[in-house]
Amino acid sequence: MEMCLLCNKYWDVVTSVVPAEAARPEEWKTKDNWARDEIHLCCEADIQDIIIDSEHAYELWTLL
């Protein structure tokens, strides 16, 4: 999963603290959404139950 995120250039949103709402550029929001999708697709159903309520990729990765 880490390699997938690195190759798709999503690693920065996964490993950086979520910026304040006003400081989130549209590019960051797009990358965050894609990273969240990639993480969910790579997880088994029991893990998805744990991370489903997370709003950002950073939160998902931290829970994992």
PDB file of N, CA and C in Angstrom:
ATOM      1  N   MET A   1       0.823  -1.179   0.000  1.00  0.00           N
ATOM      2  CA  MET A   1       0.000   0.000   0.000  1.00  0.00           C
ATOM      3  C   MET A   1       0.873   1.251   0.000  1.00  0.00           C
ATOM      4  N   GLU A   2       1.938   1.232   0.795  1.00  0.00           N
ATOM      5  CA  GLU A   2       2.840   2.384   0.848  1.00  0.00           C
ATOM      6  C   GLU A   2       3.445   2.676  -0.520  1.00  0.00           C
ATOM      7  N   MET A   3       3.849   1.655  -1.225  1.00  0.00           N
ATOM      8  CA  MET A   3       4.442   1.846  -2.553  1.00  0.00           C
ATOM      9  C   MET A   3       3.425   2.433  -3.525  1.00  0.00           C
ATOM     10  N   CYS A   4       2.212   1.998  -3.458  1.00  0.00           N
ATOM     11  CA  CYS A   4       1.148   2.528  -4.307  1.00  0.00           C
ATOM     12  C   CYS A   4       0.951   4.017  -4.041  1.00  0.00           C
ATOM     13  N   LEU A   5       0.923   4.387  -2.776  1.00  0.00           N
ATOM     14  CA  LEU A   5       0.752   5.793  -2.414  1.00  0.00           C
ATOM     15  C   LEU A   5       1.947   6.625  -2.832  1.00  0.00           C
ATOM     16  N   LEU A   6       3.134   6.073  -2.691  1.00  0.00           N
ATOM     17  CA  LEU A   6       4.344   6.779  -3.112  1.00  0.00           C
ATOM     18  C   LEU A   6       4.372   6.977  -4.621  1.00  0.00           C
ATOM     19  N   CYS A   7       4.091   5.936  -5.355  1.00  0.00           N
ATOM     20  CA  CYS A   7       4.133   6.001  -6.821  1.00  0.00           C
ATOM     21  C   CYS A   7       3.104   6.972  -7.389  1.00  0.00           C
ATOM     22  N   ASN A   8       1.970   7.086  -6.744  1.00  0.00           N
ATOM     23  CA  ASN A   8       0.920   7.988  -7.209  1.00  0.00           C
ATOM     24  C   ASN A   8       1.048   9.395  -6.634  1.00  0.00           C
ATOM     25  N   LYS A   9       2.137   9.620  -5.902  1.00  0.00           N
ATOM     26  CA  LYS A   9       2.432  10.938  -5.318  1.00  0.00           C
ATOM     27  C   LYS A   9       1.379  11.415  -4.316  1.00  0.00           C
ATOM     28  N   TYR A  10       0.854  10.473  -3.536  1.00  0.00           N
ATOM     29  CA  TYR A  10      -0.105  10.790  -2.486  1.00  0.00           C
ATOM     30  C   TYR A  10       0.528  10.756  -1.096  1.00  0.00           C
ATOM     31  N   TRP A  11       1.793  10.367  -1.039  1.00  0.00           N
ATOM     32  CA  TRP A  11       2.444  10.130   0.250  1.00  0.00           C
ATOM     33  C   TRP A  11       2.454  11.377   1.132  1.00  0.00           C
ATOM     34  N   ASP A  12       2.567  12.553   0.535  1.00  0.00           N
ATOM     35  CA  ASP A  12       2.627  13.781   1.336  1.00  0.00           C
ATOM     36  C   ASP A  12       1.333  14.023   2.108  1.00  0.00           C
ATOM     37  N   VAL A  13       0.190  13.712   1.539  1.00  0.00           N
ATOM     38  CA  VAL A  13      -1.066  13.917   2.271  1.00  0.00           C
ATOM     39  C   VAL A  13      -1.300  12.830   3.310  1.00  0.00           C
ATOM     40  N   VAL A  14      -0.658  11.691   3.131  1.00  0.00           N
ATOM     41  CA  VAL A  14      -0.807  10.584   4.079  1.00  0.00           C
ATOM     42  C   VAL A  14       0.056  10.797   5.317  1.00  0.00           C
ATOM     43  N   THR A  15       1.212  11.419   5.142  1.00  0.00           N
ATOM     44  CA  THR A  15       2.160  11.548   6.246  1.00  0.00           C
ATOM     45  C   THR A  15       2.228  12.938   6.855  1.00  0.00           C
ATOM     46  N   SER A  16       1.491  13.899   6.325  1.00  0.00           N
ATOM     47  CA  SER A  16       1.505  15.264   6.863  1.00  0.00           C
ATOM     48  C   SER A  16       0.202  15.546   7.601  1.00  0.00           C
ATOM     49  N   VAL A  17       0.313  16.302   8.660  1.00  0.00           N
ATOM     50  CA  VAL A  17      -0.876  16.690   9.424  1.00  0.00           C
ATOM     51  C   VAL A  17      -1.801  17.479   8.506  1.00  0.00           C
ATOM     52  N   VAL A  18      -3.083  17.270   8.665  1.00  0.00           N
ATOM     53  CA  VAL A  18      -4.090  17.928   7.829  1.00  0.00           C
ATOM     54  C   VAL A  18      -4.037  19.439   8.060  1.00  0.00           C
ATOM     55  N   PRO A  19      -3.864  20.209   6.992  1.00  0.00           N
ATOM     56  CA  PRO A  19      -3.835  21.670   7.155  1.00  0.00           C
ATOM     57  C   PRO A  19      -5.213  22.221   7.522  1.00  0.00           C
ATOM     58  N   ALA A  20      -5.215  23.423   8.047  1.00  0.00           N
ATOM     59  CA  ALA A  20      -6.483  24.092   8.381  1.00  0.00           C
ATOM     60  C   ALA A  20      -7.319  24.224   7.109  1.00  0.00           C
ATOM     61  N   GLU A  21      -8.620  24.244   7.269  1.00  0.00           N
ATOM     62  CA  GLU A  21      -9.542  24.293   6.123  1.00  0.00           C
ATOM     63  C   GLU A  21      -9.184  25.405   5.145  1.00  0.00           C
ATOM     64  N   ALA A  22      -8.884  26.573   5.643  1.00  0.00           N
ATOM     65  CA  ALA A  22      -8.578  27.708   4.772  1.00  0.00           C
ATOM     66  C   ALA A  22      -7.247  27.538   4.030  1.00  0.00           C
ATOM     67  N   ALA A  23      -6.378  26.688   4.544  1.00  0.00           N
ATOM     68  CA  ALA A  23      -5.050  26.507   3.949  1.00  0.00           C
ATOM     69  C   ALA A  23      -4.968  25.301   3.016  1.00  0.00           C
ATOM     70  N   ARG A  24      -6.093  24.673   2.720  1.00  0.00           N
ATOM     71  CA  ARG A  24      -6.092  23.485   1.859  1.00  0.00           C
ATOM     72  C   ARG A  24      -6.346  23.869   0.409  1.00  0.00           C
ATOM     73  N   PRO A  25      -5.304  23.801  -0.424  1.00  0.00           N
ATOM     74  CA  PRO A  25      -5.537  24.086  -1.845  1.00  0.00           C
ATOM     75  C   PRO A  25      -6.346  22.957  -2.490  1.00  0.00           C
ATOM     76  N   GLU A  26      -6.933  23.237  -3.594  1.00  0.00           N
ATOM     77  CA  GLU A  26      -7.756  22.241  -4.297  1.00  0.00           C
ATOM     78  C   GLU A  26      -6.938  20.993  -4.642  1.00  0.00           C
ATOM     79  N   GLU A  27      -5.677  21.175  -5.000  1.00  0.00           N
ATOM     80  CA  GLU A  27      -4.804  20.036  -5.317  1.00  0.00           C
ATOM     81  C   GLU A  27      -4.655  19.116  -4.111  1.00  0.00           C
ATOM     82  N   TRP A  28      -4.504  19.703  -2.921  1.00  0.00           N
ATOM     83  CA  TRP A  28      -4.373  18.896  -1.715  1.00  0.00           C
ATOM     84  C   TRP A  28      -5.644  18.089  -1.482  1.00  0.00           C
ATOM     85  N   LYS A  29      -6.805  18.724  -1.649  1.00  0.00           N
ATOM     86  CA  LYS A  29      -8.077  18.037  -1.441  1.00  0.00           C
ATOM     87  C   LYS A  29      -8.238  16.865  -2.406  1.00  0.00           C
ATOM     88  N   THR A  30      -7.851  17.061  -3.654  1.00  0.00           N
ATOM     89  CA  THR A  30      -7.936  15.989  -4.654  1.00  0.00           C
ATOM     90  C   THR A  30      -7.021  14.833  -4.284  1.00  0.00           C
ATOM     91  N   LYS A  31      -5.787  15.138  -3.926  1.00  0.00           N
ATOM     92  CA  LYS A  31      -4.833  14.090  -3.550  1.00  0.00           C
ATOM     93  C   LYS A  31      -5.311  13.356  -2.304  1.00  0.00           C
ATOM     94  N   ASP A  32      -5.875  14.080  -1.350  1.00  0.00           N
ATOM     95  CA  ASP A  32      -6.382  13.460  -0.127  1.00  0.00           C
ATOM     96  C   ASP A  32      -7.509  12.486  -0.446  1.00  0.00           C
ATOM     97  N   ASN A  33      -8.423  12.881  -1.305  1.00  0.00           N
ATOM     98  CA  ASN A  33      -9.521  11.990  -1.700  1.00  0.00           C
ATOM     99  C   ASN A  33      -9.006  10.741  -2.394  1.00  0.00           C
ATOM    100  N   TRP A  34      -8.077  10.901  -3.319  1.00  0.00           N
ATOM    101  CA  TRP A  34      -7.518   9.743  -4.018  1.00  0.00           C
ATOM    102  C   TRP A  34      -6.763   8.826  -3.063  1.00  0.00           C
ATOM    103  N   ALA A  35      -6.001   9.413  -2.147  1.00  0.00           N
ATOM    104  CA  ALA A  35      -5.253   8.606  -1.180  1.00  0.00           C
ATOM    105  C   ALA A  35      -6.208   7.820  -0.287  1.00  0.00           C
ATOM    106  N   ARG A  36      -7.274   8.455   0.170  1.00  0.00           N
ATOM    107  CA  ARG A  36      -8.275   7.753   0.985  1.00  0.00           C
ATOM    108  C   ARG A  36      -8.858   6.577   0.214  1.00  0.00           C
ATOM    109  N   ASP A  37      -9.186   6.800  -1.048  1.00  0.00           N
ATOM    110  CA  ASP A  37      -9.735   5.718  -1.874  1.00  0.00           C
ATOM    111  C   ASP A  37      -8.751   4.563  -2.006  1.00  0.00           C
ATOM    112  N   GLU A  38      -7.493   4.879  -2.273  1.00  0.00           N
ATOM    113  CA  GLU A  38      -6.467   3.834  -2.422  1.00  0.00           C
ATOM    114  C   GLU A  38      -6.326   3.020  -1.137  1.00  0.00           C
ATOM    115  N   ILE A  39      -6.307   3.696  -0.014  1.00  0.00           N
ATOM    116  CA  ILE A  39      -6.168   2.998   1.265  1.00  0.00           C
ATOM    117  C   ILE A  39      -7.359   2.081   1.503  1.00  0.00           C
ATOM    118  N   HIS A  40      -8.563   2.589   1.276  1.00  0.00           N
ATOM    119  CA  HIS A  40      -9.758   1.762   1.471  1.00  0.00           C
ATOM    120  C   HIS A  40      -9.748   0.543   0.550  1.00  0.00           C
ATOM    121  N   LEU A  41      -9.335   0.725  -0.687  1.00  0.00           N
ATOM    122  CA  LEU A  41      -9.314  -0.392  -1.636  1.00  0.00           C
ATOM    123  C   LEU A  41      -8.315  -1.478  -1.246  1.00  0.00           C
ATOM    124  N   CYS A  42      -7.276  -1.096  -0.530  1.00  0.00           N
ATOM    125  CA  CYS A  42      -6.240  -2.058  -0.148  1.00  0.00           C
ATOM    126  C   CYS A  42      -6.535  -2.782   1.159  1.00  0.00           C
ATOM    127  N   CYS A  43      -7.594  -2.378   1.855  1.00  0.00           N
ATOM    128  CA  CYS A  43      -7.879  -2.950   3.171  1.00  0.00           C
ATOM    129  C   CYS A  43      -8.997  -3.976   3.118  1.00  0.00           C
ATOM    130  N   GLU A  44      -8.878  -4.954   3.983  1.00  0.00           N
ATOM    131  CA  GLU A  44      -9.917  -5.954   4.161  1.00  0.00           C
ATOM    132  C   GLU A  44     -11.127  -5.306   4.837  1.00  0.00           C
ATOM    133  N   ALA A  45     -12.264  -5.965   4.760  1.00  0.00           N
ATOM    134  CA  ALA A  45     -13.508  -5.421   5.300  1.00  0.00           C
ATOM    135  C   ALA A  45     -13.425  -5.124   6.796  1.00  0.00           C
ATOM    136  N   ASP A  46     -12.762  -5.985   7.567  1.00  0.00           N
ATOM    137  CA  ASP A  46     -12.683  -5.746   9.012  1.00  0.00           C
ATOM    138  C   ASP A  46     -11.856  -4.501   9.328  1.00  0.00           C
ATOM    139  N   ILE A  47     -10.853  -4.213   8.529  1.00  0.00           N
ATOM    140  CA  ILE A  47     -10.055  -3.003   8.711  1.00  0.00           C
ATOM    141  C   ILE A  47     -10.843  -1.783   8.245  1.00  0.00           C
ATOM    142  N   GLN A  48     -11.595  -1.923   7.181  1.00  0.00           N
ATOM    143  CA  GLN A  48     -12.407  -0.808   6.697  1.00  0.00           C
ATOM    144  C   GLN A  48     -13.406  -0.356   7.751  1.00  0.00           C
ATOM    145  N   ASP A  49     -13.909  -1.292   8.541  1.00  0.00           N
ATOM    146  CA  ASP A  49     -14.822  -0.932   9.620  1.00  0.00           C
ATOM    147  C   ASP A  49     -14.161   0.002  10.635  1.00  0.00           C
ATOM    148  N   ILE A  50     -12.868  -0.136  10.829  1.00  0.00           N
ATOM    149  CA  ILE A  50     -12.123   0.681  11.787  1.00  0.00           C
ATOM    150  C   ILE A  50     -11.858   2.077  11.233  1.00  0.00           C
ATOM    151  N   ILE A  51     -11.570   2.165   9.938  1.00  0.00           N
ATOM    152  CA  ILE A  51     -11.142   3.440   9.354  1.00  0.00           C
ATOM    153  C   ILE A  51     -12.242   4.200   8.624  1.00  0.00           C
ATOM    154  N   ILE A  52     -13.416   3.645   8.532  1.00  0.00           N
ATOM    155  CA  ILE A  52     -14.482   4.208   7.699  1.00  0.00           C
ATOM    156  C   ILE A  52     -14.869   5.630   8.089  1.00  0.00           C
ATOM    157  N   ASP A  53     -14.791   5.996   9.348  1.00  0.00           N
ATOM    158  CA  ASP A  53     -15.227   7.315   9.793  1.00  0.00           C
ATOM    159  C   ASP A  53     -14.153   8.395   9.669  1.00  0.00           C
ATOM    160  N   SER A  54     -12.956   8.028   9.248  1.00  0.00           N
ATOM    161  CA  SER A  54     -11.883   9.007   9.104  1.00  0.00           C
ATOM    162  C   SER A  54     -12.145   9.914   7.911  1.00  0.00           C
ATOM    163  N   GLU A  55     -11.881  11.195   8.099  1.00  0.00           N
ATOM    164  CA  GLU A  55     -12.172  12.172   7.058  1.00  0.00           C
ATOM    165  C   GLU A  55     -11.014  12.421   6.106  1.00  0.00           C
ATOM    166  N   HIS A  56      -9.792  12.110   6.541  1.00  0.00           N
ATOM    167  CA  HIS A  56      -8.621  12.421   5.718  1.00  0.00           C
ATOM    168  C   HIS A  56      -7.645  11.243   5.688  1.00  0.00           C
ATOM    169  N   ALA A  57      -6.838  11.211   4.641  1.00  0.00           N
ATOM    170  CA  ALA A  57      -5.869  10.120   4.459  1.00  0.00           C
ATOM    171  C   ALA A  57      -4.897  10.023   5.626  1.00  0.00           C
ATOM    172  N   TYR A  58      -4.501  11.160   6.169  1.00  0.00           N
ATOM    173  CA  TYR A  58      -3.597  11.154   7.325  1.00  0.00           C
ATOM    174  C   TYR A  58      -4.209  10.398   8.496  1.00  0.00           C
ATOM    175  N   GLU A  59      -5.470  10.629   8.756  1.00  0.00           N
ATOM    176  CA  GLU A  59      -6.159   9.939   9.844  1.00  0.00           C
ATOM    177  C   GLU A  59      -6.245   8.439   9.584  1.00  0.00           C
ATOM    178  N   LEU A  60      -6.537   8.066   8.338  1.00  0.00           N
ATOM    179  CA  LEU A  60      -6.603   6.645   7.979  1.00  0.00           C
ATOM    180  C   LEU A  60      -5.268   5.971   8.247  1.00  0.00           C
ATOM    181  N   TRP A  61      -4.215   6.606   7.751  1.00  0.00           N
ATOM    182  CA  TRP A  61      -2.874   6.026   7.873  1.00  0.00           C
ATOM    183  C   TRP A  61      -2.461   5.926   9.331  1.00  0.00           C
ATOM    184  N   THR A  62      -2.801   6.930  10.125  1.00  0.00           N
ATOM    185  CA  THR A  62      -2.473   6.918  11.542  1.00  0.00           C
ATOM    186  C   THR A  62      -3.180   5.763  12.251  1.00  0.00           C
ATOM    187  N   LEU A  63      -4.420   5.512  11.906  1.00  0.00           N
ATOM    188  CA  LEU A  63      -5.159   4.398  12.514  1.00  0.00           C
ATOM    189  C   LEU A  63      -4.558   3.050  12.129  1.00  0.00           C
ATOM    190  N   LEU A  64      -4.079   2.965  10.909  1.00  0.00           N
ATOM    191  CA  LEU A  64      -3.493   1.697  10.470  1.00  0.00           C
ATOM    192  C   LEU A  64      -2.182   1.447  11.181  1.00  0.00           C
TER     193      LEU A  64
END
